[in-house]
PDB file of N, CA and C in Angstrom:
ATOM      1  N   UNK A   1       0.318 -10.404 -11.461  1.00  0.00           N
ATOM      2  CA  UNK A   1       0.061  -9.676 -12.689  1.00  0.00           C
ATOM      3  C   UNK A   1       0.919 -10.206 -13.826  1.00  0.00           C
ATOM      4  N   UNK A   2       2.134 -10.598 -13.509  1.00  0.00           N
ATOM      5  CA  UNK A   2       2.991 -11.137 -14.559  1.00  0.00           C
ATOM      6  C   UNK A   2       2.351 -12.355 -15.199  1.00  0.00           C
ATOM      7  N   UNK A   3       1.765 -13.228 -14.383  1.00  0.00           N
ATOM      8  CA  UNK A   3       1.105 -14.420 -14.919  1.00  0.00           C
ATOM      9  C   UNK A   3      -0.096 -14.042 -15.782  1.00  0.00           C
ATOM     10  N   UNK A   4      -0.881 -13.075 -15.327  1.00  0.00           N
ATOM     11  CA  UNK A   4      -2.069 -12.666 -16.070  1.00  0.00           C
ATOM     12  C   UNK A   4      -1.710 -12.051 -17.416  1.00  0.00           C
ATOM     13  N   UNK A   5      -0.663 -11.248 -17.430  1.00  0.00           N
ATOM     14  CA  UNK A   5      -0.278 -10.539 -18.653  1.00  0.00           C
ATOM     15  C   UNK A   5       0.720 -11.325 -19.498  1.00  0.00           C
ATOM     16  N   UNK A   6       1.185 -12.425 -18.955  1.00  0.00           N
ATOM     17  CA  UNK A   6       2.173 -13.279 -19.615  1.00  0.00           C
ATOM     18  C   UNK A   6       3.430 -12.518 -19.999  1.00  0.00           C
ATOM     19  N   UNK A   7       3.792 -11.560 -19.156  1.00  0.00           N
ATOM     20  CA  UNK A   7       5.058 -10.855 -19.309  1.00  0.00           C
ATOM     21  C   UNK A   7       5.430 -10.257 -17.957  1.00  0.00           C
ATOM     22  N   UNK A   8       6.679  -9.953 -17.795  1.00  0.00           N
ATOM     23  CA  UNK A   8       7.151  -9.407 -16.529  1.00  0.00           C
ATOM     24  C   UNK A   8       6.515  -8.046 -16.269  1.00  0.00           C
ATOM     25  N   UNK A   9       5.980  -7.877 -15.075  1.00  0.00           N
ATOM     26  CA  UNK A   9       5.355  -6.616 -14.684  1.00  0.00           C
ATOM     27  C   UNK A   9       6.088  -6.094 -13.456  1.00  0.00           C
ATOM     28  N   UNK A  10       6.667  -4.928 -13.584  1.00  0.00           N
ATOM     29  CA  UNK A  10       7.409  -4.334 -12.480  1.00  0.00           C
ATOM     30  C   UNK A  10       6.597  -3.191 -11.868  1.00  0.00           C
ATOM     31  N   UNK A  11       6.828  -2.958 -10.603  1.00  0.00           N
ATOM     32  CA  UNK A  11       6.140  -1.871  -9.907  1.00  0.00           C
ATOM     33  C   UNK A  11       6.990  -0.606 -10.009  1.00  0.00           C
ATOM     34  N   UNK A  12       7.107  -0.064 -11.200  1.00  0.00           N
ATOM     35  CA  UNK A  12       8.020   1.045 -11.467  1.00  0.00           C
ATOM     36  C   UNK A  12       7.724   2.281 -10.615  1.00  0.00           C
ATOM     37  N   UNK A  13       6.487   2.674 -10.529  1.00  0.00           N
ATOM     38  CA  UNK A  13       6.144   3.878  -9.761  1.00  0.00           C
ATOM     39  C   UNK A  13       6.453   3.688  -8.274  1.00  0.00           C
ATOM     40  N   UNK A  14       6.129   2.519  -7.766  1.00  0.00           N
ATOM     41  CA  UNK A  14       6.414   2.235  -6.361  1.00  0.00           C
ATOM     42  C   UNK A  14       7.914   2.271  -6.117  1.00  0.00           C
ATOM     43  N   UNK A  15       8.675   1.625  -6.971  1.00  0.00           N
ATOM     44  CA  UNK A  15      10.138   1.612  -6.820  1.00  0.00           C
ATOM     45  C   UNK A  15      10.710   3.025  -6.866  1.00  0.00           C
ATOM     46  N   UNK A  16      10.197   3.857  -7.769  1.00  0.00           N
ATOM     47  CA  UNK A  16      10.674   5.237  -7.873  1.00  0.00           C
ATOM     48  C   UNK A  16      10.380   6.015  -6.597  1.00  0.00           C
ATOM     49  N   UNK A  17       9.176   5.882  -6.077  1.00  0.00           N
ATOM     50  CA  UNK A  17       8.807   6.611  -4.857  1.00  0.00           C
ATOM     51  C   UNK A  17       9.647   6.145  -3.681  1.00  0.00           C
ATOM     52  N   UNK A  18       9.826   4.841  -3.539  1.00  0.00           N
ATOM     53  CA  UNK A  18      10.644   4.316  -2.444  1.00  0.00           C
ATOM     54  C   UNK A  18      12.075   4.817  -2.558  1.00  0.00           C
ATOM     55  N   UNK A  19      12.603   4.856  -3.755  1.00  0.00           N
ATOM     56  CA  UNK A  19      13.967   5.364  -3.948  1.00  0.00           C
ATOM     57  C   UNK A  19      14.066   6.845  -3.581  1.00  0.00           C
ATOM     58  N   UNK A  20      12.992   7.581  -3.850  1.00  0.00           N
ATOM     59  CA  UNK A  20      12.982   9.018  -3.584  1.00  0.00           C
ATOM     60  C   UNK A  20      12.800   9.349  -2.107  1.00  0.00           C
ATOM     61  N   UNK A  21      11.822   8.689  -1.439  1.00  0.00           N
ATOM     62  CA  UNK A  21      11.468   9.096  -0.073  1.00  0.00           C
ATOM     63  C   UNK A  21      11.635   8.005   0.977  1.00  0.00           C
ATOM     64  N   UNK A  22      11.862   6.758   0.553  1.00  0.00           N
ATOM     65  CA  UNK A  22      12.036   5.662   1.494  1.00  0.00           C
ATOM     66  C   UNK A  22      10.750   4.882   1.721  1.00  0.00           C
ATOM     67  N   UNK A  23      10.916   3.697   2.301  1.00  0.00           N
ATOM     68  CA  UNK A  23       9.780   2.802   2.495  1.00  0.00           C
ATOM     69  C   UNK A  23       8.755   3.339   3.481  1.00  0.00           C
ATOM     70  N   UNK A  24       9.238   3.825   4.620  1.00  0.00           N
ATOM     71  CA  UNK A  24       8.322   4.295   5.674  1.00  0.00           C
ATOM     72  C   UNK A  24       7.489   5.468   5.171  1.00  0.00           C
ATOM     73  N   UNK A  25       8.120   6.433   4.533  1.00  0.00           N
ATOM     74  CA  UNK A  25       7.380   7.598   4.037  1.00  0.00           C
ATOM     75  C   UNK A  25       6.394   7.203   2.949  1.00  0.00           C
ATOM     76  N   UNK A  26       6.767   6.265   2.101  1.00  0.00           N
ATOM     77  CA  UNK A  26       5.860   5.779   1.064  1.00  0.00           C
ATOM     78  C   UNK A  26       4.611   5.181   1.695  1.00  0.00           C
ATOM     79  N   UNK A  27       4.791   4.339   2.706  1.00  0.00           N
ATOM     80  CA  UNK A  27       3.653   3.727   3.383  1.00  0.00           C
ATOM     81  C   UNK A  27       2.800   4.775   4.091  1.00  0.00           C
ATOM     82  N   UNK A  28       3.430   5.763   4.717  1.00  0.00           N
ATOM     83  CA  UNK A  28       2.687   6.855   5.365  1.00  0.00           C
ATOM     84  C   UNK A  28       1.839   7.594   4.343  1.00  0.00           C
ATOM     85  N   UNK A  29       2.463   7.939   3.213  1.00  0.00           N
ATOM     86  CA  UNK A  29       1.751   8.689   2.178  1.00  0.00           C
ATOM     87  C   UNK A  29       0.546   7.911   1.658  1.00  0.00           C
ATOM     88  N   UNK A  30       0.717   6.612   1.438  1.00  0.00           N
ATOM     89  CA  UNK A  30      -0.401   5.797   0.963  1.00  0.00           C
ATOM     90  C   UNK A  30      -1.526   5.770   1.981  1.00  0.00           C
ATOM     91  N   UNK A  31      -1.186   5.575   3.245  1.00  0.00           N
ATOM     92  CA  UNK A  31      -2.212   5.472   4.285  1.00  0.00           C
ATOM     93  C   UNK A  31      -2.967   6.789   4.470  1.00  0.00           C
ATOM     94  N   UNK A  32      -2.258   7.899   4.394  1.00  0.00           N
ATOM     95  CA  UNK A  32      -2.871   9.200   4.667  1.00  0.00           C
ATOM     96  C   UNK A  32      -3.531   9.838   3.452  1.00  0.00           C
ATOM     97  N   UNK A  33      -3.301   9.294   2.284  1.00  0.00           N
ATOM     98  CA  UNK A  33      -3.875   9.853   1.063  1.00  0.00           C
ATOM     99  C   UNK A  33      -5.396   9.740   1.093  1.00  0.00           C
ATOM    100  N   UNK A  34      -6.064  10.756   0.571  1.00  0.00           N
ATOM    101  CA  UNK A  34      -7.527  10.719   0.510  1.00  0.00           C
ATOM    102  C   UNK A  34      -8.008   9.695  -0.505  1.00  0.00           C
ATOM    103  N   UNK A  35      -7.195   9.423  -1.496  1.00  0.00           N
ATOM    104  CA  UNK A  35      -7.554   8.475  -2.550  1.00  0.00           C
ATOM    105  C   UNK A  35      -6.633   7.261  -2.456  1.00  0.00           C
ATOM    106  N   UNK A  36      -7.191   6.076  -2.572  1.00  0.00           N
ATOM    107  CA  UNK A  36      -6.354   4.877  -2.546  1.00  0.00           C
ATOM    108  C   UNK A  36      -5.646   4.721  -3.889  1.00  0.00           C
ATOM    109  N   UNK A  37      -4.584   3.950  -3.886  1.00  0.00           N
ATOM    110  CA  UNK A  37      -3.799   3.741  -5.098  1.00  0.00           C
ATOM    111  C   UNK A  37      -4.460   2.693  -5.997  1.00  0.00           C
ATOM    112  N   UNK A  38      -4.056   2.683  -7.250  1.00  0.00           N
ATOM    113  CA  UNK A  38      -4.541   1.660  -8.177  1.00  0.00           C
ATOM    114  C   UNK A  38      -4.097   0.282  -7.704  1.00  0.00           C
ATOM    115  N   UNK A  39      -2.887   0.200  -7.160  1.00  0.00           N
ATOM    116  CA  UNK A  39      -2.379  -1.068  -6.652  1.00  0.00           C
ATOM    117  C   UNK A  39      -3.219  -1.595  -5.507  1.00  0.00           C
ATOM    118  N   UNK A  40      -3.683  -0.704  -4.646  1.00  0.00           N
ATOM    119  CA  UNK A  40      -4.552  -1.090  -3.536  1.00  0.00           C
ATOM    120  C   UNK A  40      -5.818  -1.746  -4.083  1.00  0.00           C
ATOM    121  N   UNK A  41      -6.451  -1.091  -5.044  1.00  0.00           N
ATOM    122  CA  UNK A  41      -7.673  -1.627  -5.637  1.00  0.00           C
ATOM    123  C   UNK A  41      -7.401  -2.962  -6.318  1.00  0.00           C
ATOM    124  N   UNK A  42      -6.287  -3.056  -7.005  1.00  0.00           N
ATOM    125  CA  UNK A  42      -5.944  -4.281  -7.708  1.00  0.00           C
ATOM    126  C   UNK A  42      -5.744  -5.448  -6.736  1.00  0.00           C
ATOM    127  N   UNK A  43      -5.090  -5.185  -5.610  1.00  0.00           N
ATOM    128  CA  UNK A  43      -4.878  -6.226  -4.612  1.00  0.00           C
ATOM    129  C   UNK A  43      -6.199  -6.661  -3.982  1.00  0.00           C
ATOM    130  N   UNK A  44      -7.086  -5.724  -3.736  1.00  0.00           N
ATOM    131  CA  UNK A  44      -8.390  -6.083  -3.169  1.00  0.00           C
ATOM    132  C   UNK A  44      -9.208  -6.903  -4.162  1.00  0.00           C
ATOM    133  N   UNK A  45      -9.147  -6.541  -5.447  1.00  0.00           N
ATOM    134  CA  UNK A  45      -9.862  -7.301  -6.469  1.00  0.00           C
ATOM    135  C   UNK A  45      -9.384  -8.748  -6.520  1.00  0.00           C
ATOM    136  N   UNK A  46      -8.125  -8.962  -6.177  1.00  0.00           N
ATOM    137  CA  UNK A  46      -7.535 -10.296  -6.215  1.00  0.00           C
ATOM    138  C   UNK A  46      -7.577 -10.982  -4.830  1.00  0.00           C
ATOM    139  N   UNK A  47      -8.349 -10.391  -3.915  1.00  0.00           N
ATOM    140  CA  UNK A  47      -8.495 -10.941  -2.559  1.00  0.00           C
ATOM    141  C   UNK A  47      -7.154 -11.106  -1.859  1.00  0.00           C
ATOM    142  N   UNK A  48      -6.319 -10.079  -1.959  1.00  0.00           N
ATOM    143  CA  UNK A  48      -5.008 -10.109  -1.314  1.00  0.00           C
ATOM    144  C   UNK A  48      -4.773  -8.850  -0.471  1.00  0.00           C
ATOM    145  N   UNK A  49      -5.706  -8.512   0.448  1.00  0.00           N
ATOM    146  CA  UNK A  49      -5.554  -7.288   1.233  1.00  0.00           C
ATOM    147  C   UNK A  49      -4.322  -7.301   2.132  1.00  0.00           C
ATOM    148  N   UNK A  50      -3.822  -8.481   2.477  1.00  0.00           N
ATOM    149  CA  UNK A  50      -2.648  -8.582   3.343  1.00  0.00           C
ATOM    150  C   UNK A  50      -1.378  -8.067   2.678  1.00  0.00           C
ATOM    151  N   UNK A  51      -1.423  -7.836   1.369  1.00  0.00           N
ATOM    152  CA  UNK A  51      -0.252  -7.336   0.650  1.00  0.00           C
ATOM    153  C   UNK A  51      -0.280  -5.826   0.441  1.00  0.00           C
ATOM    154  N   UNK A  52      -1.343  -5.167   0.882  1.00  0.00           N
ATOM    155  CA  UNK A  52      -1.428  -3.712   0.709  1.00  0.00           C
ATOM    156  C   UNK A  52      -0.479  -2.994   1.658  1.00  0.00           C
ATOM    157  N   UNK A  53      -0.135  -1.787   1.283  1.00  0.00           N
ATOM    158  CA  UNK A  53       0.691  -0.959   2.157  1.00  0.00           C
ATOM    159  C   UNK A  53       0.013  -0.710   3.491  1.00  0.00           C
ATOM    160  N   UNK A  54      -1.294  -0.576   3.460  1.00  0.00           N
ATOM    161  CA  UNK A  54      -2.049  -0.345   4.689  1.00  0.00           C
ATOM    162  C   UNK A  54      -1.926  -1.532   5.639  1.00  0.00           C
ATOM    163  N   UNK A  55      -1.941  -2.731   5.097  1.00  0.00           N
ATOM    164  CA  UNK A  55      -1.781  -3.929   5.933  1.00  0.00           C
ATOM    165  C   UNK A  55      -0.378  -3.981   6.534  1.00  0.00           C
ATOM    166  N   UNK A  56       0.603  -3.538   5.781  1.00  0.00           N
ATOM    167  CA  UNK A  56       1.976  -3.496   6.299  1.00  0.00           C
ATOM    168  C   UNK A  56       2.053  -2.525   7.472  1.00  0.00           C
ATOM    169  N   UNK A  57       1.399  -1.377   7.329  1.00  0.00           N
ATOM    170  CA  UNK A  57       1.372  -0.397   8.431  1.00  0.00           C
ATOM    171  C   UNK A  57       0.761  -1.037   9.672  1.00  0.00           C
ATOM    172  N   UNK A  58      -0.328  -1.770   9.507  1.00  0.00           N
ATOM    173  CA  UNK A  58      -0.992  -2.391  10.655  1.00  0.00           C
ATOM    174  C   UNK A  58      -0.147  -3.493  11.284  1.00  0.00           C
ATOM    175  N   UNK A  59       0.678  -4.157  10.500  1.00  0.00           N
ATOM    176  CA  UNK A  59       1.548  -5.199  11.055  1.00  0.00           C
ATOM    177  C   UNK A  59       2.747  -4.617  11.801  1.00  0.00           C
ATOM    178  N   UNK A  60       3.085  -3.356  11.502  1.00  0.00           N
ATOM    179  CA  UNK A  60       4.263  -2.727  12.115  1.00  0.00           C
ATOM    180  C   UNK A  60       3.922  -1.341  12.680  1.00  0.00           C
ATOM    181  N   UNK A  61       2.938  -1.258  13.567  1.00  0.00           N
ATOM    182  CA  UNK A  61       2.472   0.047  14.054  1.00  0.00           C
ATOM    183  C   UNK A  61       3.528   0.831  14.824  1.00  0.00           C
ATOM    184  N   UNK A  62       4.524   0.150  15.354  1.00  0.00           N
ATOM    185  CA  UNK A  62       5.563   0.839  16.119  1.00  0.00           C
ATOM    186  C   UNK A  62       6.385   1.802  15.255  1.00  0.00           C
ATOM    187  N   UNK A  63       6.319   1.684  13.946  1.00  0.00           N
ATOM    188  CA  UNK A  63       7.093   2.541  13.039  1.00  0.00           C
ATOM    189  C   UNK A  63       6.296   3.743  12.534  1.00  0.00           C
ATOM    190  N   UNK A  64       5.026   3.848  12.962  1.00  0.00           N
ATOM    191  CA  UNK A  64       4.154   4.884  12.416  1.00  0.00           C
ATOM    192  C   UNK A  64       3.418   5.626  13.525  1.00  0.00           C
ATOM    193  N   UNK A  65       3.081   6.867  13.234  1.00  0.00           N
ATOM    194  CA  UNK A  65       2.297   7.679  14.166  1.00  0.00           C
ATOM    195  C   UNK A  65       0.884   7.097  14.265  1.00  0.00           C
ATOM    196  N   UNK A  66       0.224   7.305  15.394  1.00  0.00           N
ATOM    197  CA  UNK A  66      -1.134   6.764  15.579  1.00  0.00           C
ATOM    198  C   UNK A  66      -2.115   7.162  14.483  1.00  0.00           C
ATOM    199  N   UNK A  67      -2.010   8.385  13.971  1.00  0.00           N
ATOM    200  CA  UNK A  67      -2.946   8.802  12.922  1.00  0.00           C
ATOM    201  C   UNK A  67      -2.710   8.049  11.604  1.00  0.00           C
ATOM    202  N   UNK A  68      -1.485   7.625  11.352  1.00  0.00           N
ATOM    203  CA  UNK A  68      -1.182   6.840  10.158  1.00  0.00           C
ATOM    204  C   UNK A  68      -1.787   5.443  10.307  1.00  0.00           C
ATOM    205  N   UNK A  69      -1.615   4.852  11.476  1.00  0.00           N
ATOM    206  CA  UNK A  69      -2.178   3.521  11.749  1.00  0.00           C
ATOM    207  C   UNK A  69      -3.705   3.572  11.649  1.00  0.00           C
ATOM    208  N   UNK A  70      -4.304   4.612  12.217  1.00  0.00           N
ATOM    209  CA  UNK A  70      -5.766   4.755  12.164  1.00  0.00           C
ATOM    210  C   UNK A  70      -6.248   4.911  10.724  1.00  0.00           C
ATOM    211  N   UNK A  71      -5.544   5.698   9.923  1.00  0.00           N
ATOM    212  CA  UNK A  71      -5.926   5.892   8.520  1.00  0.00           C
ATOM    213  C   UNK A  71      -5.823   4.585   7.744  1.00  0.00           C
ATOM    214  N   UNK A  72      -4.772   3.826   7.996  1.00  0.00           N
ATOM    215  CA  UNK A  72      -4.610   2.531   7.327  1.00  0.00           C
ATOM    216  C   UNK A  72      -5.740   1.583   7.710  1.00  0.00           C
ATOM    217  N   UNK A  73      -6.072   1.544   8.991  1.00  0.00           N
ATOM    218  CA  UNK A  73      -7.151   0.685   9.469  1.00  0.00           C
ATOM    219  C   UNK A  73      -8.482   1.099   8.834  1.00  0.00           C
ATOM    220  N   UNK A  74      -8.747   2.394   8.803  1.00  0.00           N
ATOM    221  CA  UNK A  74      -9.999   2.886   8.222  1.00  0.00           C
ATOM    222  C   UNK A  74     -10.133   2.508   6.753  1.00  0.00           C
ATOM    223  N   UNK A  75      -9.050   2.664   6.003  1.00  0.00           N
ATOM    224  CA  UNK A  75      -9.110   2.336   4.572  1.00  0.00           C
ATOM    225  C   UNK A  75      -9.430   0.849   4.385  1.00  0.00           C
ATOM    226  N   UNK A  76      -8.778  -0.003   5.132  1.00  0.00           N
ATOM    227  CA  UNK A  76      -9.019  -1.441   4.990  1.00  0.00           C
ATOM    228  C   UNK A  76     -10.428  -1.827   5.450  1.00  0.00           C
ATOM    229  N   UNK A  77     -10.925  -1.168   6.492  1.00  0.00           N
ATOM    230  CA  UNK A  77     -12.264  -1.476   6.982  1.00  0.00           C
ATOM    231  C   UNK A  77     -13.353  -1.028   6.006  1.00  0.00           C
ATOM    232  N   UNK A  78     -13.076   0.014   5.249  1.00  0.00           N
ATOM    233  CA  UNK A  78     -14.066   0.542   4.302  1.00  0.00           C
ATOM    234  C   UNK A  78     -14.241  -0.345   3.074  1.00  0.00           C
ATOM    235  N   UNK A  79     -13.287  -1.231   2.869  1.00  0.00           N
ATOM    236  CA  UNK A  79     -13.342  -2.056   1.645  1.00  0.00           C
ATOM    237  C   UNK A  79     -13.862  -3.425   1.868  1.00  0.00           C
TER     238      UNK A  79
END
């Protein structure tokens, strides 16, 4: 995004949430949310699904409950 906008683009909301609740909880919340994030859509538009929070959950299933892993898988499969 920084290259596209020709200025530095920070993930302020993500950083704030991670600071508030931690990385694992942030990823859980994203996976279990009924609505996907704007960042998720943006990454898919750029053909970069491997960078989504859901993909991170799938790469590290040992850190998440089965329902979180299933929700992450479902979201990625639907797109």
